């Protein structure tokens, strides 16, 4: 099936964290700790927890600034273990 909005926004937040704040690994850890798909409010909480500028991140999410990067970036497949177990 297709990625749901929350899942897609999670990926975009991680990319925004990498591009705008150097906080990719912190955001990744927060996302992987979740047991359910995060809501936009959850993503805001994650951003604030890792001290990522939420206004900048929210704008990137709203405009889908990093959506194109995600489609072509194998980093996110590895991040969510989409390619199987690490070697």
PDB file of N, CA and C in Angstrom:
ATOM      1  N   UNK A   1       0.830  -1.199   0.000  1.00  0.00           N
ATOM      2  CA  UNK A   1       0.000   0.000   0.000  1.00  0.00           C
ATOM      3  C   UNK A   1       0.856   1.236   0.000  1.00  0.00           C
ATOM      4  N   UNK A   2       0.226   2.383  -0.137  1.00  0.00           N
ATOM      5  CA  UNK A   2       0.965   3.646  -0.141  1.00  0.00           C
ATOM      6  C   UNK A   2       1.234   4.101   1.281  1.00  0.00           C
ATOM      7  N   UNK A   3       2.239   4.910   1.422  1.00  0.00           N
ATOM      8  CA  UNK A   3       2.591   5.449   2.738  1.00  0.00           C
ATOM      9  C   UNK A   3       1.481   6.373   3.215  1.00  0.00           C
ATOM     10  N   UNK A   4       1.149   6.293   4.485  1.00  0.00           N
ATOM     11  CA  UNK A   4       0.148   7.177   5.040  1.00  0.00           C
ATOM     12  C   UNK A   4       0.769   8.542   5.304  1.00  0.00           C
ATOM     13  N   UNK A   5      -0.078   9.518   5.531  1.00  0.00           N
ATOM     14  CA  UNK A   5       0.419  10.883   5.715  1.00  0.00           C
ATOM     15  C   UNK A   5       1.378  10.984   6.897  1.00  0.00           C
ATOM     16  N   UNK A   6       1.036  10.363   8.017  1.00  0.00           N
ATOM     17  CA  UNK A   6       1.909  10.437   9.191  1.00  0.00           C
ATOM     18  C   UNK A   6       3.275   9.830   8.935  1.00  0.00           C
ATOM     19  N   UNK A   7       3.291   8.715   8.229  1.00  0.00           N
ATOM     20  CA  UNK A   7       4.551   8.065   7.890  1.00  0.00           C
ATOM     21  C   UNK A   7       5.383   8.950   6.966  1.00  0.00           C
ATOM     22  N   UNK A   8       4.739   9.508   5.954  1.00  0.00           N
ATOM     23  CA  UNK A   8       5.446  10.389   5.018  1.00  0.00           C
ATOM     24  C   UNK A   8       5.986  11.617   5.738  1.00  0.00           C
ATOM     25  N   UNK A   9       5.185  12.187   6.627  1.00  0.00           N
ATOM     26  CA  UNK A   9       5.646  13.368   7.364  1.00  0.00           C
ATOM     27  C   UNK A   9       6.779  13.013   8.314  1.00  0.00           C
ATOM     28  N   UNK A  10       6.779  11.810   8.871  1.00  0.00           N
ATOM     29  CA  UNK A  10       7.884  11.374   9.727  1.00  0.00           C
ATOM     30  C   UNK A  10       9.179  11.373   8.941  1.00  0.00           C
ATOM     31  N   UNK A  11       9.122  10.845   7.732  1.00  0.00           N
ATOM     32  CA  UNK A  11      10.297  10.822   6.866  1.00  0.00           C
ATOM     33  C   UNK A  11      10.747  12.243   6.550  1.00  0.00           C
ATOM     34  N   UNK A  12       9.774  13.097   6.260  1.00  0.00           N
ATOM     35  CA  UNK A  12      10.118  14.483   5.928  1.00  0.00           C
ATOM     36  C   UNK A  12      10.719  15.206   7.131  1.00  0.00           C
ATOM     37  N   UNK A  13      10.211  14.935   8.332  1.00  0.00           N
ATOM     38  CA  UNK A  13      10.780  15.562   9.527  1.00  0.00           C
ATOM     39  C   UNK A  13      12.223  15.108   9.714  1.00  0.00           C
ATOM     40  N   UNK A  14      12.494  13.831   9.508  1.00  0.00           N
ATOM     41  CA  UNK A  14      13.862  13.336   9.648  1.00  0.00           C
ATOM     42  C   UNK A  14      14.789  14.009   8.635  1.00  0.00           C
ATOM     43  N   UNK A  15      14.296  14.185   7.407  1.00  0.00           N
ATOM     44  CA  UNK A  15      15.102  14.857   6.382  1.00  0.00           C
ATOM     45  C   UNK A  15      15.313  16.326   6.752  1.00  0.00           C
ATOM     46  N   UNK A  16      14.261  16.987   7.232  1.00  0.00           N
ATOM     47  CA  UNK A  16      14.386  18.384   7.658  1.00  0.00           C
ATOM     48  C   UNK A  16      15.371  18.493   8.816  1.00  0.00           C
ATOM     49  N   UNK A  17      15.318  17.537   9.729  1.00  0.00           N
ATOM     50  CA  UNK A  17      16.241  17.533  10.871  1.00  0.00           C
ATOM     51  C   UNK A  17      17.681  17.422  10.394  1.00  0.00           C
ATOM     52  N   UNK A  18      17.892  16.607   9.369  1.00  0.00           N
ATOM     53  CA  UNK A  18      19.228  16.447   8.804  1.00  0.00           C
ATOM     54  C   UNK A  18      19.671  17.722   8.100  1.00  0.00           C
ATOM     55  N   UNK A  19      18.819  18.261   7.251  1.00  0.00           N
ATOM     56  CA  UNK A  19      19.180  19.403   6.413  1.00  0.00           C
ATOM     57  C   UNK A  19      19.293  20.710   7.192  1.00  0.00           C
ATOM     58  N   UNK A  20      18.427  20.893   8.178  1.00  0.00           N
ATOM     59  CA  UNK A  20      18.324  22.205   8.829  1.00  0.00           C
ATOM     60  C   UNK A  20      18.863  22.258  10.233  1.00  0.00           C
ATOM     61  N   UNK A  21      19.113  21.121  10.845  1.00  0.00           N
ATOM     62  CA  UNK A  21      19.532  21.209  12.231  1.00  0.00           C
ATOM     63  C   UNK A  21      20.580  20.207  12.654  1.00  0.00           C
ATOM     64  N   UNK A  22      20.989  19.316  11.740  1.00  0.00           N
ATOM     65  CA  UNK A  22      21.950  18.294  12.131  1.00  0.00           C
ATOM     66  C   UNK A  22      21.423  17.394  13.226  1.00  0.00           C
ATOM     67  N   UNK A  23      20.109  17.195  13.254  1.00  0.00           N
ATOM     68  CA  UNK A  23      19.469  16.432  14.322  1.00  0.00           C
ATOM     69  C   UNK A  23      18.870  15.124  13.826  1.00  0.00           C
ATOM     70  N   UNK A  24      19.327  14.635  12.673  1.00  0.00           N
ATOM     71  CA  UNK A  24      18.743  13.435  12.086  1.00  0.00           C
ATOM     72  C   UNK A  24      18.716  12.262  13.060  1.00  0.00           C
ATOM     73  N   UNK A  25      19.858  11.961  13.667  1.00  0.00           N
ATOM     74  CA  UNK A  25      19.935  10.763  14.516  1.00  0.00           C
ATOM     75  C   UNK A  25      19.048  10.890  15.745  1.00  0.00           C
ATOM     76  N   UNK A  26      18.942  12.110  16.290  1.00  0.00           N
ATOM     77  CA  UNK A  26      18.069  12.320  17.444  1.00  0.00           C
ATOM     78  C   UNK A  26      16.614  12.105  17.057  1.00  0.00           C
ATOM     79  N   UNK A  27      16.210  12.666  15.903  1.00  0.00           N
ATOM     80  CA  UNK A  27      14.834  12.502  15.431  1.00  0.00           C
ATOM     81  C   UNK A  27      14.572  11.028  15.113  1.00  0.00           C
ATOM     82  N   UNK A  28      15.528  10.378  14.460  1.00  0.00           N
ATOM     83  CA  UNK A  28      15.383   8.960  14.123  1.00  0.00           C
ATOM     84  C   UNK A  28      15.123   8.138  15.378  1.00  0.00           C
ATOM     85  N   UNK A  29      15.895   8.381  16.427  1.00  0.00           N
ATOM     86  CA  UNK A  29      15.724   7.634  17.677  1.00  0.00           C
ATOM     87  C   UNK A  29      14.327   7.855  18.253  1.00  0.00           C
ATOM     88  N   UNK A  30      13.863   9.094  18.212  1.00  0.00           N
ATOM     89  CA  UNK A  30      12.523   9.411  18.723  1.00  0.00           C
ATOM     90  C   UNK A  30      11.440   8.712  17.900  1.00  0.00           C
ATOM     91  N   UNK A  31      11.599   8.702  16.575  1.00  0.00           N
ATOM     92  CA  UNK A  31      10.613   8.058  15.710  1.00  0.00           C
ATOM     93  C   UNK A  31      10.590   6.549  15.909  1.00  0.00           C
ATOM     94  N   UNK A  32      11.769   5.945  16.023  1.00  0.00           N
ATOM     95  CA  UNK A  32      11.836   4.499  16.195  1.00  0.00           C
ATOM     96  C   UNK A  32      11.302   4.058  17.554  1.00  0.00           C
ATOM     97  N   UNK A  33      11.294   4.955  18.526  1.00  0.00           N
ATOM     98  CA  UNK A  33      10.776   4.629  19.854  1.00  0.00           C
ATOM     99  C   UNK A  33       9.248   4.609  19.885  1.00  0.00           C
ATOM    100  N   UNK A  34       8.625   5.166  18.873  1.00  0.00           N
ATOM    101  CA  UNK A  34       7.161   5.225  18.820  1.00  0.00           C
ATOM    102  C   UNK A  34       6.590   3.860  18.473  1.00  0.00           C
ATOM    103  N   UNK A  35       5.462   3.525  19.096  1.00  0.00           N
ATOM    104  CA  UNK A  35       4.809   2.249  18.806  1.00  0.00           C
ATOM    105  C   UNK A  35       3.689   2.411  17.782  1.00  0.00           C
ATOM    106  N   UNK A  36       3.324   3.639  17.485  1.00  0.00           N
ATOM    107  CA  UNK A  36       2.290   3.888  16.490  1.00  0.00           C
ATOM    108  C   UNK A  36       2.727   5.037  15.589  1.00  0.00           C
ATOM    109  N   UNK A  37       2.022   5.186  14.499  1.00  0.00           N
ATOM    110  CA  UNK A  37       2.348   6.241  13.554  1.00  0.00           C
ATOM    111  C   UNK A  37       2.140   7.605  14.215  1.00  0.00           C
ATOM    112  N   UNK A  38       3.146   8.477  14.166  1.00  0.00           N
ATOM    113  CA  UNK A  38       3.022   9.769  14.839  1.00  0.00           C
ATOM    114  C   UNK A  38       2.068  10.718  14.131  1.00  0.00           C
ATOM    115  N   UNK A  39       1.370  11.498  14.926  1.00  0.00           N
ATOM    116  CA  UNK A  39       0.526  12.564  14.406  1.00  0.00           C
ATOM    117  C   UNK A  39       1.393  13.807  14.222  1.00  0.00           C
ATOM    118  N   UNK A  40       0.833  14.828  13.633  1.00  0.00           N
ATOM    119  CA  UNK A  40       1.569  16.084  13.475  1.00  0.00           C
ATOM    120  C   UNK A  40       1.961  16.642  14.847  1.00  0.00           C
ATOM    121  N   UNK A  41       1.071  16.513  15.824  1.00  0.00           N
ATOM    122  CA  UNK A  41       1.378  16.979  17.183  1.00  0.00           C
ATOM    123  C   UNK A  41       2.546  16.182  17.774  1.00  0.00           C
ATOM    124  N   UNK A  42       2.584  14.877  17.495  1.00  0.00           N
ATOM    125  CA  UNK A  42       3.708  14.046  17.953  1.00  0.00           C
ATOM    126  C   UNK A  42       5.014  14.517  17.311  1.00  0.00           C
ATOM    127  N   UNK A  43       4.956  14.850  16.025  1.00  0.00           N
ATOM    128  CA  UNK A  43       6.161  15.311  15.336  1.00  0.00           C
ATOM    129  C   UNK A  43       6.650  16.636  15.921  1.00  0.00           C
ATOM    130  N   UNK A  44       5.706  17.498  16.291  1.00  0.00           N
ATOM    131  CA  UNK A  44       6.088  18.757  16.937  1.00  0.00           C
ATOM    132  C   UNK A  44       6.778  18.469  18.270  1.00  0.00           C
ATOM    133  N   UNK A  45       6.229  17.541  19.022  1.00  0.00           N
ATOM    134  CA  UNK A  45       6.824  17.166  20.315  1.00  0.00           C
ATOM    135  C   UNK A  45       8.240  16.615  20.118  1.00  0.00           C
ATOM    136  N   UNK A  46       8.419  15.767  19.098  1.00  0.00           N
ATOM    137  CA  UNK A  46       9.742  15.216  18.801  1.00  0.00           C
ATOM    138  C   UNK A  46      10.711  16.339  18.471  1.00  0.00           C
ATOM    139  N   UNK A  47      10.296  17.259  17.598  1.00  0.00           N
ATOM    140  CA  UNK A  47      11.155  18.374  17.203  1.00  0.00           C
ATOM    141  C   UNK A  47      11.571  19.186  18.423  1.00  0.00           C
ATOM    142  N   UNK A  48      10.610  19.468  19.295  1.00  0.00           N
ATOM    143  CA  UNK A  48      10.914  20.250  20.488  1.00  0.00           C
ATOM    144  C   UNK A  48      11.830  19.472  21.435  1.00  0.00           C
ATOM    145  N   UNK A  49      11.637  18.168  21.524  1.00  0.00           N
ATOM    146  CA  UNK A  49      12.472  17.330  22.394  1.00  0.00           C
ATOM    147  C   UNK A  49      13.935  17.388  21.980  1.00  0.00           C
ATOM    148  N   UNK A  50      14.181  17.375  20.663  1.00  0.00           N
ATOM    149  CA  UNK A  50      15.569  17.372  20.184  1.00  0.00           C
ATOM    150  C   UNK A  50      16.080  18.782  19.884  1.00  0.00           C
ATOM    151  N   UNK A  51      15.253  19.774  20.242  1.00  0.00           N
ATOM    152  CA  UNK A  51      15.615  21.188  20.057  1.00  0.00           C
ATOM    153  C   UNK A  51      15.838  21.551  18.580  1.00  0.00           C
ATOM    154  N   UNK A  52      14.959  21.010  17.728  1.00  0.00           N
ATOM    155  CA  UNK A  52      14.920  21.375  16.321  1.00  0.00           C
ATOM    156  C   UNK A  52      13.922  22.514  16.184  1.00  0.00           C
ATOM    157  N   UNK A  53      14.273  23.535  15.407  1.00  0.00           N
ATOM    158  CA  UNK A  53      13.393  24.679  15.217  1.00  0.00           C
ATOM    159  C   UNK A  53      12.087  24.221  14.570  1.00  0.00           C
ATOM    160  N   UNK A  54      11.012  24.169  15.380  1.00  0.00           N
ATOM    161  CA  UNK A  54       9.743  23.646  14.890  1.00  0.00           C
ATOM    162  C   UNK A  54       9.145  24.519  13.794  1.00  0.00           C
ATOM    163  N   UNK A  55       9.246  25.835  13.891  1.00  0.00           N
ATOM    164  CA  UNK A  55       8.637  26.685  12.866  1.00  0.00           C
ATOM    165  C   UNK A  55       9.254  26.411  11.501  1.00  0.00           C
ATOM    166  N   UNK A  56      10.551  26.229  11.458  1.00  0.00           N
ATOM    167  CA  UNK A  56      11.234  25.898  10.209  1.00  0.00           C
ATOM    168  C   UNK A  56      10.844  24.503   9.733  1.00  0.00           C
ATOM    169  N   UNK A  57      10.827  23.547  10.650  1.00  0.00           N
ATOM    170  CA  UNK A  57      10.462  22.175  10.290  1.00  0.00           C
ATOM    171  C   UNK A  57       9.013  22.096   9.828  1.00  0.00           C
ATOM    172  N   UNK A  58       8.117  22.786  10.534  1.00  0.00           N
ATOM    173  CA  UNK A  58       6.698  22.764  10.171  1.00  0.00           C
ATOM    174  C   UNK A  58       6.480  23.349   8.782  1.00  0.00           C
ATOM    175  N   UNK A  59       7.203  24.418   8.475  1.00  0.00           N
ATOM    176  CA  UNK A  59       7.088  25.007   7.144  1.00  0.00           C
ATOM    177  C   UNK A  59       7.547  24.014   6.080  1.00  0.00           C
ATOM    178  N   UNK A  60       8.639  23.310   6.346  1.00  0.00           N
ATOM    179  CA  UNK A  60       9.138  22.304   5.403  1.00  0.00           C
ATOM    180  C   UNK A  60       8.120  21.179   5.232  1.00  0.00           C
ATOM    181  N   UNK A  61       7.460  20.766   6.319  1.00  0.00           N
ATOM    182  CA  UNK A  61       6.451  19.716   6.231  1.00  0.00           C
ATOM    183  C   UNK A  61       5.243  20.193   5.434  1.00  0.00           C
ATOM    184  N   UNK A  62       4.810  21.418   5.708  1.00  0.00           N
ATOM    185  CA  UNK A  62       3.632  21.964   5.029  1.00  0.00           C
ATOM    186  C   UNK A  62       3.879  22.099   3.521  1.00  0.00           C
ATOM    187  N   UNK A  63       5.078  22.506   3.177  1.00  0.00           N
ATOM    188  CA  UNK A  63       5.413  22.715   1.764  1.00  0.00           C
ATOM    189  C   UNK A  63       5.988  21.460   1.112  1.00  0.00           C
ATOM    190  N   UNK A  64       6.169  20.414   1.909  1.00  0.00           N
ATOM    191  CA  UNK A  64       6.778  19.157   1.436  1.00  0.00           C
ATOM    192  C   UNK A  64       8.124  19.427   0.762  1.00  0.00           C
ATOM    193  N   UNK A  65       8.892  20.291   1.395  1.00  0.00           N
ATOM    194  CA  UNK A  65      10.194  20.716   0.876  1.00  0.00           C
ATOM    195  C   UNK A  65      11.111  19.540   0.575  1.00  0.00           C
ATOM    196  N   UNK A  66      11.084  18.526   1.440  1.00  0.00           N
ATOM    197  CA  UNK A  66      12.036  17.428   1.313  1.00  0.00           C
ATOM    198  C   UNK A  66      11.415  16.153   0.756  1.00  0.00           C
ATOM    199  N   UNK A  67      10.166  16.213   0.315  1.00  0.00           N
ATOM    200  CA  UNK A  67       9.487  15.012  -0.183  1.00  0.00           C
ATOM    201  C   UNK A  67      10.247  14.388  -1.348  1.00  0.00           C
ATOM    202  N   UNK A  68      10.740  15.200  -2.254  1.00  0.00           N
ATOM    203  CA  UNK A  68      11.466  14.674  -3.412  1.00  0.00           C
ATOM    204  C   UNK A  68      12.740  13.956  -2.975  1.00  0.00           C
ATOM    205  N   UNK A  69      13.436  14.505  -1.983  1.00  0.00           N
ATOM    206  CA  UNK A  69      14.660  13.879  -1.487  1.00  0.00           C
ATOM    207  C   UNK A  69      14.396  12.472  -0.977  1.00  0.00           C
ATOM    208  N   UNK A  70      13.269  12.299  -0.312  1.00  0.00           N
ATOM    209  CA  UNK A  70      12.962  11.047   0.347  1.00  0.00           C
ATOM    210  C   UNK A  70      12.743   9.932  -0.667  1.00  0.00           C
ATOM    211  N   UNK A  71      12.078  10.253  -1.754  1.00  0.00           N
ATOM    212  CA  UNK A  71      11.784   9.247  -2.765  1.00  0.00           C
ATOM    213  C   UNK A  71      13.066   8.622  -3.299  1.00  0.00           C
ATOM    214  N   UNK A  72      14.082   9.441  -3.480  1.00  0.00           N
ATOM    215  CA  UNK A  72      15.320   8.948  -4.090  1.00  0.00           C
ATOM    216  C   UNK A  72      16.403   8.604  -3.081  1.00  0.00           C
ATOM    217  N   UNK A  73      16.124   8.748  -1.812  1.00  0.00           N
ATOM    218  CA  UNK A  73      17.171   8.585  -0.804  1.00  0.00           C
ATOM    219  C   UNK A  73      17.055   7.254  -0.082  1.00  0.00           C
ATOM    220  N   UNK A  74      17.952   6.342  -0.388  1.00  0.00           N
ATOM    221  CA  UNK A  74      17.944   5.024   0.239  1.00  0.00           C
ATOM    222  C   UNK A  74      18.193   5.067   1.732  1.00  0.00           C
ATOM    223  N   UNK A  75      18.678   6.198   2.242  1.00  0.00           N
ATOM    224  CA  UNK A  75      18.923   6.347   3.667  1.00  0.00           C
ATOM    225  C   UNK A  75      17.665   6.052   4.473  1.00  0.00           C
ATOM    226  N   UNK A  76      16.529   6.481   3.975  1.00  0.00           N
ATOM    227  CA  UNK A  76      15.292   6.291   4.724  1.00  0.00           C
ATOM    228  C   UNK A  76      14.807   4.851   4.662  1.00  0.00           C
ATOM    229  N   UNK A  77      15.078   4.159   3.583  1.00  0.00           N
ATOM    230  CA  UNK A  77      14.753   2.734   3.532  1.00  0.00           C
ATOM    231  C   UNK A  77      15.556   1.994   4.602  1.00  0.00           C
ATOM    232  N   UNK A  78      16.836   2.333   4.706  1.00  0.00           N
ATOM    233  CA  UNK A  78      17.686   1.715   5.722  1.00  0.00           C
ATOM    234  C   UNK A  78      17.233   2.126   7.121  1.00  0.00           C
ATOM    235  N   UNK A  79      16.828   3.375   7.272  1.00  0.00           N
ATOM    236  CA  UNK A  79      16.414   3.885   8.570  1.00  0.00           C
ATOM    237  C   UNK A  79      15.245   3.080   9.130  1.00  0.00           C
ATOM    238  N   UNK A  80      14.319   2.719   8.246  1.00  0.00           N
ATOM    239  CA  UNK A  80      13.142   1.989   8.696  1.00  0.00           C
ATOM    240  C   UNK A  80      13.244   0.494   8.400  1.00  0.00           C
ATOM    241  N   UNK A  81      14.481   0.031   8.132  1.00  0.00           N
ATOM    242  CA  UNK A  81      14.768  -1.387   7.927  1.00  0.00           C
ATOM    243  C   UNK A  81      13.915  -1.983   6.807  1.00  0.00           C
ATOM    244  N   UNK A  82      13.651  -1.199   5.784  1.00  0.00           N
ATOM    245  CA  UNK A  82      12.829  -1.657   4.674  1.00  0.00           C
ATOM    246  C   UNK A  82      13.574  -2.645   3.791  1.00  0.00           C
ATOM    247  N   UNK A  83      14.879  -2.710   3.909  1.00  0.00           N
ATOM    248  CA  UNK A  83      15.679  -3.593   3.066  1.00  0.00           C
ATOM    249  C   UNK A  83      16.106  -4.859   3.796  1.00  0.00           C
ATOM    250  N   UNK A  84      15.490  -5.166   4.909  1.00  0.00           N
ATOM    251  CA  UNK A  84      15.849  -6.368   5.651  1.00  0.00           C
ATOM    252  C   UNK A  84      16.862  -6.061   6.740  1.00  0.00           C
ATOM    253  N   UNK A  85      17.316  -7.106   7.351  1.00  0.00           N
ATOM    254  CA  UNK A  85      18.246  -6.963   8.487  1.00  0.00           C
ATOM    255  C   UNK A  85      19.592  -6.413   8.019  1.00  0.00           C
ATOM    256  N   UNK A  86      20.221  -5.603   8.833  1.00  0.00           N
ATOM    257  CA  UNK A  86      21.546  -5.100   8.460  1.00  0.00           C
ATOM    258  C   UNK A  86      22.556  -6.240   8.424  1.00  0.00           C
ATOM    259  N   UNK A  87      23.540  -6.082   7.569  1.00  0.00           N
ATOM    260  CA  UNK A  87      24.540  -7.141   7.441  1.00  0.00           C
ATOM    261  C   UNK A  87      25.612  -7.002   8.503  1.00  0.00           C
TER     262      UNK A  87
END
